Amino acid sequence: MSVRRLSLFALLAVAALLLWLFLPRPAPTPATPALPASIPAIPAIAPSANPAARDPRPTPLPPEALKTISLAADLNAPGGNITADLQMLNNVMTDWRLDYPETGNPVGENSLITATLTGDNPRRLTYIARHHRAINPDGELCDRWGTPFRFHALSGRRMELRSAGPDKKFGTDDDALLTPP
């Protein structure tokens, strides 16, 4: 190799080194900040021998963990009256229709409607607490005298609500009825 070629090679190597040293480089990414001391670390969970415990699907939350809308908190409360109770139920039905405009009123017999309003619905919304004083052991919403309410859908947006009244017999003069406009 000639001296001239060697000098040219050395000159190119020095130029490349200088370019490498002085060319701008992307800024380094900042390190992830450490958690404050007040936040405890999440302990590692040992794998379970139970195959169901390794199920990748999310575990549904218990109904108690879901937000309960308290529109019906005073339903059948001492000191209340059937007119206020029926209005509370009407408000619950209105909220249901706002949350599920494509379906309209909840459907079925009293126990099915009650189940729907206590969280057995597609979004697991709870309109009435599952263990509310107005729900009997058969899972039915009852009036203040213990008789299950009657729900009659007049349309997809209107639900007639009926109580048997103090005599606990439907079709008598003391029945209470709310027919929404």
N, C-alpha and C. Protein backbone atom coordinates (compact mmCIF):
# COMPACT_ATOMS: atom_id res chain seq x y z
N MET A 1 0.83 -1.15 0.00
CA MET A 1 0.00 0.00 0.00
C MET A 1 0.89 1.24 0.00
N SER A 2 0.50 2.19 -0.75
CA SER A 2 1.32 3.39 -0.85
C SER A 2 1.06 4.30 0.32
N VAL A 3 2.03 5.18 0.57
CA VAL A 3 1.95 6.12 1.67
C VAL A 3 0.77 7.07 1.44
N ARG A 4 0.58 7.42 0.21
CA ARG A 4 -0.51 8.33 -0.10
C ARG A 4 -1.87 7.69 0.23
N ARG A 5 -2.05 6.44 -0.10
CA ARG A 5 -3.30 5.74 0.23
C ARG A 5 -3.45 5.60 1.74
N LEU A 6 -2.41 5.27 2.42
CA LEU A 6 -2.44 5.13 3.87
C LEU A 6 -2.80 6.44 4.53
N SER A 7 -2.25 7.54 4.08
CA SER A 7 -2.57 8.86 4.63
C SER A 7 -4.03 9.20 4.38
N LEU A 8 -4.52 8.90 3.21
CA LEU A 8 -5.92 9.17 2.88
C LEU A 8 -6.83 8.34 3.77
N PHE A 9 -6.48 7.10 3.99
CA PHE A 9 -7.26 6.23 4.86
C PHE A 9 -7.28 6.75 6.29
N ALA A 10 -6.13 7.19 6.80
CA ALA A 10 -6.03 7.73 8.16
C ALA A 10 -6.84 9.01 8.28
N LEU A 11 -6.76 9.85 7.26
CA LEU A 11 -7.51 11.10 7.25
C LEU A 11 -9.02 10.82 7.27
N LEU A 12 -9.49 9.86 6.50
CA LEU A 12 -10.92 9.49 6.49
C LEU A 12 -11.34 8.91 7.83
N ALA A 13 -10.51 8.13 8.45
CA ALA A 13 -10.83 7.54 9.75
C ALA A 13 -10.94 8.63 10.80
N VAL A 14 -10.03 9.59 10.81
CA VAL A 14 -10.07 10.71 11.78
C VAL A 14 -11.34 11.54 11.53
N ALA A 15 -11.68 11.79 10.25
CA ALA A 15 -12.87 12.58 9.93
C ALA A 15 -14.13 11.86 10.40
N ALA A 16 -14.19 10.56 10.20
CA ALA A 16 -15.36 9.79 10.64
C ALA A 16 -15.47 9.81 12.16
N LEU A 17 -14.36 9.70 12.86
CA LEU A 17 -14.36 9.76 14.32
C LEU A 17 -14.85 11.11 14.81
N LEU A 18 -14.37 12.18 14.19
CA LEU A 18 -14.81 13.53 14.59
C LEU A 18 -16.30 13.72 14.31
N LEU A 19 -16.77 13.26 13.17
CA LEU A 19 -18.20 13.35 12.87
C LEU A 19 -19.03 12.61 13.91
N TRP A 20 -18.58 11.43 14.24
CA TRP A 20 -19.31 10.62 15.22
C TRP A 20 -19.36 11.32 16.58
N LEU A 21 -18.26 11.96 16.98
CA LEU A 21 -18.21 12.63 18.27
C LEU A 21 -19.07 13.89 18.32
N PHE A 22 -19.18 14.61 17.21
CA PHE A 22 -19.84 15.91 17.25
C PHE A 22 -21.23 15.96 16.62
N LEU A 23 -21.67 14.92 15.98
CA LEU A 23 -23.02 14.92 15.43
C LEU A 23 -24.05 14.84 16.55
N PRO A 24 -25.18 15.55 16.41
CA PRO A 24 -26.20 15.47 17.48
C PRO A 24 -26.82 14.08 17.54
N ARG A 25 -27.16 13.67 18.75
CA ARG A 25 -27.79 12.38 18.99
C ARG A 25 -29.14 12.61 19.66
N PRO A 26 -30.07 11.68 19.54
CA PRO A 26 -31.35 11.85 20.24
C PRO A 26 -31.12 11.89 21.75
N ALA A 27 -31.95 12.69 22.41
CA ALA A 27 -31.84 12.81 23.87
C ALA A 27 -32.18 11.48 24.51
N PRO A 28 -31.50 11.14 25.58
CA PRO A 28 -31.82 9.88 26.25
C PRO A 28 -33.21 9.97 26.89
N THR A 29 -33.91 8.86 26.89
CA THR A 29 -35.23 8.85 27.52
C THR A 29 -35.06 8.86 29.03
N PRO A 30 -35.90 9.66 29.71
CA PRO A 30 -35.74 9.72 31.17
C PRO A 30 -36.13 8.38 31.80
N ALA A 31 -35.48 8.08 32.87
CA ALA A 31 -35.77 6.85 33.60
C ALA A 31 -37.14 6.99 34.25
N THR A 32 -37.83 5.87 34.42
CA THR A 32 -39.12 5.89 35.09
C THR A 32 -38.88 6.27 36.55
N PRO A 33 -39.63 7.30 37.02
CA PRO A 33 -39.42 7.72 38.41
C PRO A 33 -39.84 6.61 39.37
N ALA A 34 -39.15 6.55 40.46
CA ALA A 34 -39.47 5.56 41.48
C ALA A 34 -40.78 5.95 42.16
N LEU A 35 -41.52 4.95 42.64
CA LEU A 35 -42.76 5.23 43.35
C LEU A 35 -42.45 5.89 44.68
N PRO A 36 -43.31 6.81 45.12
CA PRO A 36 -43.09 7.40 46.44
C PRO A 36 -43.13 6.32 47.50
N ALA A 37 -42.48 6.60 48.59
CA ALA A 37 -42.38 5.62 49.68
C ALA A 37 -43.75 5.32 50.28
N SER A 38 -44.73 6.22 50.11
CA SER A 38 -46.03 6.02 50.73
C SER A 38 -46.89 5.01 49.98
N ILE A 39 -46.52 4.62 48.76
CA ILE A 39 -47.29 3.64 48.00
C ILE A 39 -46.60 2.29 48.16
N PRO A 40 -47.30 1.33 48.76
CA PRO A 40 -46.67 0.02 48.96
C PRO A 40 -46.55 -0.73 47.65
N ALA A 41 -45.53 -1.53 47.56
CA ALA A 41 -45.32 -2.35 46.37
C ALA A 41 -46.37 -3.45 46.35
N ILE A 42 -46.74 -3.89 45.16
CA ILE A 42 -47.71 -4.97 45.03
C ILE A 42 -46.97 -6.28 45.17
N PRO A 43 -47.37 -7.10 46.14
CA PRO A 43 -46.66 -8.37 46.32
C PRO A 43 -46.92 -9.32 45.17
N ALA A 44 -45.95 -10.14 44.90
CA ALA A 44 -46.10 -11.15 43.86
C ALA A 44 -47.08 -12.21 44.35
N ILE A 45 -47.90 -12.69 43.45
CA ILE A 45 -48.88 -13.71 43.81
C ILE A 45 -48.40 -15.03 43.23
N ALA A 46 -48.29 -16.00 44.08
CA ALA A 46 -47.84 -17.31 43.64
C ALA A 46 -48.94 -17.97 42.81
N PRO A 47 -48.57 -18.65 41.74
CA PRO A 47 -49.60 -19.33 40.95
C PRO A 47 -50.33 -20.37 41.78
N SER A 48 -51.60 -20.47 41.57
CA SER A 48 -52.43 -21.39 42.33
C SER A 48 -52.45 -22.75 41.65
N ALA A 49 -52.64 -23.76 42.45
CA ALA A 49 -52.78 -25.10 41.90
C ALA A 49 -54.18 -25.29 41.34
N ASN A 50 -55.12 -24.44 41.74
CA ASN A 50 -56.49 -24.52 41.28
C ASN A 50 -56.59 -23.96 39.86
N PRO A 51 -57.00 -24.77 38.85
CA PRO A 51 -57.05 -24.29 37.47
C PRO A 51 -58.02 -23.12 37.31
N ALA A 52 -59.10 -23.09 38.10
CA ALA A 52 -60.06 -21.99 37.98
C ALA A 52 -59.43 -20.67 38.40
N ALA A 53 -58.45 -20.73 39.30
CA ALA A 53 -57.80 -19.50 39.76
C ALA A 53 -56.91 -18.91 38.67
N ARG A 54 -56.53 -19.71 37.67
CA ARG A 54 -55.68 -19.22 36.59
C ARG A 54 -56.50 -18.76 35.39
N ASP A 55 -57.83 -18.73 35.52
CA ASP A 55 -58.70 -18.31 34.42
C ASP A 55 -58.37 -16.88 34.03
N PRO A 56 -58.02 -16.63 32.76
CA PRO A 56 -57.61 -15.28 32.34
C PRO A 56 -58.77 -14.29 32.25
N ARG A 57 -60.02 -14.79 32.27
CA ARG A 57 -61.15 -13.87 32.19
C ARG A 57 -61.27 -13.09 33.49
N PRO A 58 -61.71 -11.81 33.41
CA PRO A 58 -61.84 -11.04 34.64
C PRO A 58 -62.94 -11.61 35.52
N THR A 59 -62.71 -11.55 36.82
CA THR A 59 -63.69 -12.01 37.78
C THR A 59 -64.73 -10.92 37.98
N PRO A 60 -66.03 -11.25 37.87
CA PRO A 60 -67.04 -10.21 38.07
C PRO A 60 -66.98 -9.67 39.50
N LEU A 61 -67.24 -8.39 39.62
CA LEU A 61 -67.28 -7.78 40.94
C LEU A 61 -68.55 -8.20 41.65
N PRO A 62 -68.50 -8.35 42.97
CA PRO A 62 -69.74 -8.64 43.69
C PRO A 62 -70.65 -7.42 43.62
N PRO A 63 -71.97 -7.62 43.65
CA PRO A 63 -72.89 -6.48 43.54
C PRO A 63 -72.64 -5.40 44.59
N GLU A 64 -72.14 -5.78 45.76
CA GLU A 64 -71.89 -4.80 46.81
C GLU A 64 -70.79 -3.82 46.41
N ALA A 65 -69.91 -4.23 45.48
CA ALA A 65 -68.81 -3.37 45.06
C ALA A 65 -69.25 -2.35 44.01
N LEU A 66 -70.43 -2.56 43.45
CA LEU A 66 -70.92 -1.66 42.42
C LEU A 66 -71.65 -0.49 43.05
N LYS A 67 -71.61 0.62 42.37
CA LYS A 67 -72.31 1.80 42.85
C LYS A 67 -73.82 1.55 42.84
N THR A 68 -74.47 1.83 43.93
CA THR A 68 -75.91 1.67 44.01
C THR A 68 -76.56 3.04 43.90
N ILE A 69 -77.47 3.17 42.96
CA ILE A 69 -78.21 4.41 42.83
C ILE A 69 -79.26 4.41 43.92
N SER A 70 -79.35 5.50 44.67
CA SER A 70 -80.20 5.51 45.85
C SER A 70 -81.56 6.16 45.61
N LEU A 71 -82.06 6.15 44.38
CA LEU A 71 -83.38 6.72 44.13
C LEU A 71 -84.46 6.05 44.96
N ALA A 72 -84.30 4.77 45.23
CA ALA A 72 -85.32 4.02 45.96
C ALA A 72 -84.90 3.73 47.40
N ALA A 73 -83.94 4.47 47.92
CA ALA A 73 -83.47 4.20 49.29
C ALA A 73 -84.60 4.32 50.31
N ASP A 74 -85.53 5.24 50.08
CA ASP A 74 -86.62 5.45 51.04
C ASP A 74 -87.88 4.67 50.70
N LEU A 75 -87.82 3.76 49.74
CA LEU A 75 -88.97 2.94 49.39
C LEU A 75 -89.42 2.14 50.60
N ASN A 76 -90.69 2.24 50.95
CA ASN A 76 -91.30 1.56 52.10
C ASN A 76 -90.71 2.00 53.44
N ALA A 77 -90.08 3.17 53.47
CA ALA A 77 -89.50 3.66 54.73
C ALA A 77 -90.62 4.06 55.69
N PRO A 78 -90.40 3.85 56.98
CA PRO A 78 -91.38 4.32 57.96
C PRO A 78 -91.60 5.83 57.80
N GLY A 79 -92.83 6.24 57.93
CA GLY A 79 -93.15 7.65 57.78
C GLY A 79 -93.42 8.05 56.35
N GLY A 80 -93.16 7.17 55.40
CA GLY A 80 -93.44 7.47 53.99
C GLY A 80 -94.87 7.11 53.66
N ASN A 81 -95.20 7.19 52.38
CA ASN A 81 -96.54 6.81 51.95
C ASN A 81 -96.47 6.15 50.58
N ILE A 82 -97.55 5.50 50.19
CA ILE A 82 -97.56 4.73 48.95
C ILE A 82 -97.41 5.63 47.73
N THR A 83 -97.92 6.85 47.80
CA THR A 83 -97.77 7.77 46.66
C THR A 83 -96.30 8.06 46.41
N ALA A 84 -95.56 8.34 47.48
CA ALA A 84 -94.12 8.60 47.35
C ALA A 84 -93.39 7.33 46.89
N ASP A 85 -93.82 6.16 47.38
CA ASP A 85 -93.20 4.90 46.97
C ASP A 85 -93.37 4.66 45.47
N LEU A 86 -94.56 4.87 44.97
CA LEU A 86 -94.81 4.68 43.55
C LEU A 86 -94.01 5.68 42.71
N GLN A 87 -93.88 6.91 43.21
CA GLN A 87 -93.09 7.90 42.47
C GLN A 87 -91.62 7.50 42.44
N MET A 88 -91.10 6.96 43.57
CA MET A 88 -89.71 6.48 43.59
C MET A 88 -89.51 5.37 42.56
N LEU A 89 -90.45 4.43 42.51
CA LEU A 89 -90.34 3.34 41.52
C LEU A 89 -90.41 3.89 40.10
N ASN A 90 -91.25 4.87 39.88
CA ASN A 90 -91.33 5.49 38.56
C ASN A 90 -90.00 6.15 38.20
N ASN A 91 -89.36 6.81 39.18
CA ASN A 91 -88.05 7.42 38.93
C ASN A 91 -87.00 6.36 38.60
N VAL A 92 -87.07 5.23 39.27
CA VAL A 92 -86.14 4.12 38.98
C VAL A 92 -86.36 3.64 37.54
N MET A 93 -87.62 3.48 37.15
CA MET A 93 -87.92 3.04 35.77
C MET A 93 -87.42 4.07 34.76
N THR A 94 -87.57 5.34 35.08
CA THR A 94 -87.10 6.40 34.18
C THR A 94 -85.58 6.31 34.02
N ASP A 95 -84.88 6.13 35.14
CA ASP A 95 -83.41 5.99 35.06
C ASP A 95 -83.03 4.76 34.23
N TRP A 96 -83.74 3.66 34.42
CA TRP A 96 -83.47 2.45 33.63
C TRP A 96 -83.58 2.77 32.15
N ARG A 97 -84.66 3.43 31.76
CA ARG A 97 -84.86 3.74 30.34
C ARG A 97 -83.81 4.70 29.81
N LEU A 98 -83.29 5.59 30.66
CA LEU A 98 -82.22 6.48 30.23
C LEU A 98 -80.92 5.71 30.00
N ASP A 99 -80.66 4.71 30.85
CA ASP A 99 -79.45 3.91 30.71
C ASP A 99 -79.56 2.87 29.60
N TYR A 100 -80.78 2.42 29.29
CA TYR A 100 -81.01 1.41 28.26
C TYR A 100 -82.10 1.89 27.29
N PRO A 101 -81.83 2.98 26.57
CA PRO A 101 -82.87 3.52 25.68
C PRO A 101 -83.28 2.56 24.57
N GLU A 102 -82.39 1.66 24.19
CA GLU A 102 -82.71 0.73 23.11
C GLU A 102 -83.66 -0.38 23.55
N THR A 103 -83.79 -0.62 24.85
CA THR A 103 -84.65 -1.72 25.32
C THR A 103 -85.97 -1.25 25.91
N GLY A 104 -86.06 0.01 26.32
CA GLY A 104 -87.30 0.47 26.97
C GLY A 104 -87.40 -0.06 28.38
N ASN A 105 -88.62 -0.35 28.82
CA ASN A 105 -88.86 -0.82 30.19
C ASN A 105 -88.21 -2.17 30.44
N PRO A 106 -87.85 -2.45 31.71
CA PRO A 106 -87.47 -3.82 32.02
C PRO A 106 -88.71 -4.71 31.83
N VAL A 107 -88.51 -5.95 31.46
CA VAL A 107 -89.64 -6.81 31.13
C VAL A 107 -89.71 -8.02 32.03
N GLY A 108 -90.90 -8.63 32.08
CA GLY A 108 -91.10 -9.86 32.83
C GLY A 108 -92.00 -9.65 34.03
N GLU A 109 -92.12 -10.73 34.80
CA GLU A 109 -92.88 -10.67 36.04
C GLU A 109 -92.10 -9.87 37.08
N ASN A 110 -92.73 -9.61 38.20
CA ASN A 110 -92.13 -8.80 39.25
C ASN A 110 -90.73 -9.27 39.62
N SER A 111 -90.54 -10.56 39.84
CA SER A 111 -89.22 -11.05 40.27
C SER A 111 -88.15 -10.83 39.22
N LEU A 112 -88.49 -10.95 37.94
CA LEU A 112 -87.53 -10.71 36.87
C LEU A 112 -87.19 -9.22 36.76
N ILE A 113 -88.20 -8.38 36.87
CA ILE A 113 -87.96 -6.93 36.86
C ILE A 113 -87.11 -6.54 38.06
N THR A 114 -87.41 -7.11 39.22
CA THR A 114 -86.62 -6.82 40.43
C THR A 114 -85.18 -7.26 40.25
N ALA A 115 -84.97 -8.45 39.70
CA ALA A 115 -83.60 -8.93 39.46
C ALA A 115 -82.87 -7.98 38.52
N THR A 116 -83.56 -7.51 37.49
CA THR A 116 -82.96 -6.58 36.54
C THR A 116 -82.54 -5.29 37.24
N LEU A 117 -83.41 -4.78 38.11
CA LEU A 117 -83.13 -3.51 38.79
C LEU A 117 -82.09 -3.65 39.91
N THR A 118 -81.85 -4.88 40.36
CA THR A 118 -80.84 -5.08 41.41
C THR A 118 -79.48 -5.50 40.86
N GLY A 119 -79.31 -5.38 39.54
CA GLY A 119 -77.98 -5.60 38.97
C GLY A 119 -77.87 -6.72 37.97
N ASP A 120 -78.92 -7.51 37.77
CA ASP A 120 -78.87 -8.59 36.78
C ASP A 120 -79.26 -8.01 35.42
N ASN A 121 -78.36 -7.18 34.88
CA ASN A 121 -78.58 -6.52 33.60
C ASN A 121 -77.24 -6.43 32.88
N PRO A 122 -77.24 -6.12 31.60
CA PRO A 122 -75.98 -6.18 30.83
C PRO A 122 -74.83 -5.37 31.39
N ARG A 123 -75.11 -4.20 31.97
CA ARG A 123 -74.02 -3.37 32.50
C ARG A 123 -73.87 -3.49 34.01
N ARG A 124 -74.65 -4.40 34.62
CA ARG A 124 -74.60 -4.68 36.06
C ARG A 124 -74.87 -3.42 36.89
N LEU A 125 -75.73 -2.55 36.37
CA LEU A 125 -76.11 -1.35 37.11
C LEU A 125 -77.11 -1.73 38.19
N THR A 126 -76.95 -1.15 39.35
CA THR A 126 -77.81 -1.45 40.48
C THR A 126 -78.67 -0.23 40.79
N TYR A 127 -79.96 -0.38 40.61
CA TYR A 127 -80.91 0.71 40.85
C TYR A 127 -81.54 0.59 42.23
N ILE A 128 -81.65 -0.63 42.71
CA ILE A 128 -82.20 -0.91 44.04
C ILE A 128 -81.27 -1.93 44.68
N ALA A 129 -80.91 -1.69 45.93
CA ALA A 129 -80.01 -2.62 46.62
C ALA A 129 -80.63 -4.02 46.66
N ARG A 130 -79.81 -5.02 46.46
CA ARG A 130 -80.28 -6.41 46.40
C ARG A 130 -81.00 -6.85 47.67
N HIS A 131 -80.62 -6.30 48.80
CA HIS A 131 -81.22 -6.69 50.08
C HIS A 131 -82.09 -5.57 50.63
N HIS A 132 -82.76 -4.85 49.76
CA HIS A 132 -83.61 -3.73 50.17
C HIS A 132 -84.82 -4.25 50.94
N ARG A 133 -85.30 -3.46 51.88
CA ARG A 133 -86.44 -3.86 52.72
C ARG A 133 -87.70 -4.10 51.89
N ALA A 134 -87.79 -3.56 50.67
CA ALA A 134 -88.97 -3.72 49.83
C ALA A 134 -88.94 -5.00 49.01
N ILE A 135 -87.89 -5.80 49.13
CA ILE A 135 -87.77 -7.04 48.36
C ILE A 135 -88.04 -8.22 49.28
N ASN A 136 -89.03 -9.03 48.91
CA ASN A 136 -89.39 -10.18 49.74
C ASN A 136 -88.46 -11.37 49.48
N PRO A 137 -88.58 -12.46 50.25
CA PRO A 137 -87.70 -13.63 50.05
C PRO A 137 -87.81 -14.27 48.67
N ASP A 138 -88.91 -14.01 47.96
CA ASP A 138 -89.07 -14.55 46.60
C ASP A 138 -88.45 -13.64 45.55
N GLY A 139 -87.79 -12.57 45.98
CA GLY A 139 -87.13 -11.66 45.05
C GLY A 139 -88.09 -10.71 44.36
N GLU A 140 -89.21 -10.39 44.98
CA GLU A 140 -90.19 -9.48 44.39
C GLU A 140 -90.20 -8.15 45.13
N LEU A 141 -90.36 -7.07 44.37
CA LEU A 141 -90.52 -5.75 44.97
C LEU A 141 -91.94 -5.67 45.52
N CYS A 142 -92.06 -5.28 46.78
CA CYS A 142 -93.36 -5.26 47.45
C CYS A 142 -93.71 -3.87 47.94
N ASP A 143 -95.00 -3.63 48.10
CA ASP A 143 -95.46 -2.37 48.66
C ASP A 143 -95.24 -2.38 50.17
N ARG A 144 -95.60 -1.31 50.82
CA ARG A 144 -95.33 -1.20 52.26
C ARG A 144 -96.15 -2.15 53.11
N TRP A 145 -97.12 -2.86 52.52
CA TRP A 145 -97.91 -3.85 53.25
C TRP A 145 -97.48 -5.27 52.92
N GLY A 146 -96.42 -5.41 52.11
CA GLY A 146 -95.85 -6.73 51.82
C GLY A 146 -96.43 -7.42 50.59
N THR A 147 -97.26 -6.75 49.83
CA THR A 147 -97.84 -7.34 48.62
C THR A 147 -96.96 -6.97 47.42
N PRO A 148 -96.60 -7.93 46.58
CA PRO A 148 -95.79 -7.59 45.40
C PRO A 148 -96.50 -6.57 44.50
N PHE A 149 -95.71 -5.59 44.04
CA PHE A 149 -96.24 -4.61 43.09
C PHE A 149 -96.61 -5.31 41.80
N ARG A 150 -97.52 -4.71 41.06
CA ARG A 150 -97.82 -5.16 39.71
C ARG A 150 -97.26 -4.12 38.75
N PHE A 151 -96.52 -4.60 37.76
CA PHE A 151 -95.93 -3.74 36.74
C PHE A 151 -96.65 -4.04 35.43
N HIS A 152 -97.13 -2.99 34.77
CA HIS A 152 -97.81 -3.17 33.49
C HIS A 152 -97.22 -2.18 32.50
N ALA A 153 -96.52 -2.70 31.50
CA ALA A 153 -95.93 -1.83 30.48
C ALA A 153 -97.03 -1.33 29.56
N LEU A 154 -97.21 -0.01 29.53
CA LEU A 154 -98.19 0.61 28.63
C LEU A 154 -97.56 0.83 27.26
N SER A 155 -96.27 1.00 27.24
CA SER A 155 -95.48 1.13 26.01
C SER A 155 -94.04 0.87 26.40
N GLY A 156 -93.13 1.02 25.46
CA GLY A 156 -91.72 0.83 25.77
C GLY A 156 -91.17 1.91 26.67
N ARG A 157 -91.87 3.03 26.80
CA ARG A 157 -91.40 4.17 27.60
C ARG A 157 -92.31 4.49 28.79
N ARG A 158 -93.35 3.71 28.99
CA ARG A 158 -94.28 3.98 30.10
C ARG A 158 -94.60 2.68 30.84
N MET A 159 -94.50 2.73 32.16
CA MET A 159 -94.78 1.55 32.98
C MET A 159 -95.78 1.96 34.06
N GLU A 160 -96.93 1.29 34.07
CA GLU A 160 -97.94 1.53 35.11
C GLU A 160 -97.54 0.71 36.34
N LEU A 161 -97.61 1.34 37.50
CA LEU A 161 -97.21 0.70 38.76
C LEU A 161 -98.44 0.63 39.66
N ARG A 162 -98.69 -0.55 40.27
CA ARG A 162 -99.88 -0.73 41.09
C ARG A 162 -99.55 -1.42 42.40
N SER A 163 -100.17 -0.89 43.48
CA SER A 163 -100.08 -1.50 44.81
C SER A 163 -101.49 -1.95 45.20
N ALA A 164 -101.59 -3.07 45.91
CA ALA A 164 -102.89 -3.58 46.35
C ALA A 164 -103.44 -2.76 47.52
N GLY A 165 -102.60 -1.95 48.13
CA GLY A 165 -103.07 -1.13 49.25
C GLY A 165 -103.09 -1.90 50.56
N PRO A 166 -103.60 -1.24 51.62
CA PRO A 166 -103.57 -1.85 52.95
C PRO A 166 -104.36 -3.15 53.09
N ASP A 167 -105.40 -3.34 52.27
CA ASP A 167 -106.17 -4.59 52.40
C ASP A 167 -105.49 -5.77 51.68
N LYS A 168 -104.39 -5.49 50.97
CA LYS A 168 -103.58 -6.51 50.29
C LYS A 168 -104.34 -7.27 49.20
N LYS A 169 -105.41 -6.66 48.67
CA LYS A 169 -106.21 -7.29 47.61
C LYS A 169 -106.27 -6.33 46.43
N PHE A 170 -105.90 -6.82 45.26
CA PHE A 170 -105.99 -6.01 44.06
C PHE A 170 -107.44 -5.88 43.62
N GLY A 171 -107.76 -4.73 43.04
CA GLY A 171 -109.10 -4.50 42.51
C GLY A 171 -110.07 -3.93 43.52
N THR A 172 -109.58 -3.44 44.64
CA THR A 172 -110.46 -2.81 45.63
C THR A 172 -110.20 -1.31 45.67
N ASP A 173 -111.01 -0.59 46.43
CA ASP A 173 -110.95 0.87 46.44
C ASP A 173 -109.65 1.43 47.01
N ASP A 174 -108.93 0.66 47.81
CA ASP A 174 -107.71 1.22 48.41
C ASP A 174 -106.45 0.96 47.58
N ASP A 175 -106.60 0.39 46.38
CA ASP A 175 -105.44 0.19 45.50
C ASP A 175 -104.81 1.55 45.19
N ALA A 176 -103.49 1.54 45.03
CA ALA A 176 -102.77 2.76 44.62
C ALA A 176 -102.18 2.51 43.24
N LEU A 177 -102.32 3.48 42.36
CA LEU A 177 -101.90 3.33 40.98
C LEU A 177 -101.16 4.56 40.53
N LEU A 178 -100.05 4.35 39.82
CA LEU A 178 -99.35 5.47 39.18
C LEU A 178 -99.27 5.14 37.71
N THR A 179 -99.89 5.98 36.91
CA THR A 179 -99.84 5.86 35.46
C THR A 179 -99.07 7.06 34.94
N PRO A 180 -97.84 6.88 34.48
CA PRO A 180 -97.04 8.02 34.02
C PRO A 180 -97.65 8.64 32.76
N PRO A 181 -97.46 9.94 32.59
CA PRO A 181 -98.00 10.62 31.40
C PRO A 181 -97.35 10.13 30.12
